[in-house]
Amino acid sequence: MIIIEGLEDLRVRHPKPVVTIGNFDGVHLGHQALFAKAKERAAAIGGTSIALTFEPHPMRVLRPAVNLPLITPLPQKLRLIAEHDLDVALCLRFDQNLARLSADDFVDKLLAARLGVAEVVVGYDFVFGHKGLGDLDLLKSKGRELGFAVHEVGPVVVDGRPVSSTRVRQEVRNCHMAEARRLLGRHYRVFGRVIAGHGRGGRLLGFPTANLRVTDELIPGPGVYAVLVELNGGRLIKGVNNIGSNPTFEDGGLNVETHLLDFEGDLYGSDITLHFVQHLRGEKRFSGPEELAAQIGKDVELAKEVLQEWVDNGNQV
């Protein structure tokens, strides 16, 4: 997939662009339906499938006081879009100039004149232009005027409700990993780099851990999780992850640390990905290291059972 960061880097006109437009935060099943339709239409007309997205998220510009944690910061979002085999991802900088662009100008100047769209694929709730005054009816009208087709993709429904980024955030915050997986079509992932921790895992507790400096904004709620740890090169290792403030030791702050099962090696400085499979228990204060170590032993055994069952059922990440 070709990644183009900004219109200034759009140096060639792609043949018969089929463009799907959205923030795509989370790259959930609803977004994936848009990608599938764009690829289908591009294949049908011998065109180019393009995902048009924005950075930063428009909410950061339009309503900066709203603390909206991104499900997928830009590098992860682009990585996930690439997994769906679109030809191009075009990332536009969202600023006040773009925010002030009228709906008509968004179509006339950007989609038609700059991109030369052949077809546009958008969701059922798509709005665009200054103050969101552009809607599907206007887009279809402009398409008839300017000669491009518009395809509306309806909601993807799970448990009777449309899949949305808001639902994904709620499930992740509430430690509902299975529910989040059903909305995303994959395990929820957290990316980061292994850093030095407090040194207690192996020395004091008998369970060495990889401590992560996370790059994500949306972190699952406190507790212990069964995870699959993706190392560089794509190798997957089973693990037990703890998210919290380590109340037994009164560390304060947020710690994300993982004990890898059946693994030996030095991961300091490595970039890894945590795939959250199941929440095992909530955060708890223990009387001291011995009680905590005993509980970690139980957590490890439970995680082994959960992850082995996941593998035995033929599931993939």
Foldseek 3Di string as FASTA:
>chain_A
DAEAEALVRVPDAWFQEAEEEDQCQLVWPQVLVLQVVQVVVCVVVVGAYEYEHEPPDVCCAPPVVDPDFTLAPDVRSVVVSVVSPGRYYYYHYDHVVQLQFAPVCCCVVPVCVRRNHQEYEYEQADFGGHVSPRDPVNVCVVCVVRPHYYHYDYFDDDPRHGQDPVVLLVCQQAQNQVVNCVGHVFFRKWKFAFADDPPCQCPPQNFDKGWGDTPGRRHGHFAKFWKWKAFPVGDTFTWIWGWDQQVQVNNDDIIIIIGTPPDDDDRHGTMMMIGTDHGDDHDDHDPHSVVVSVVVVVRVVVSVVSVVVCVVVVDDD
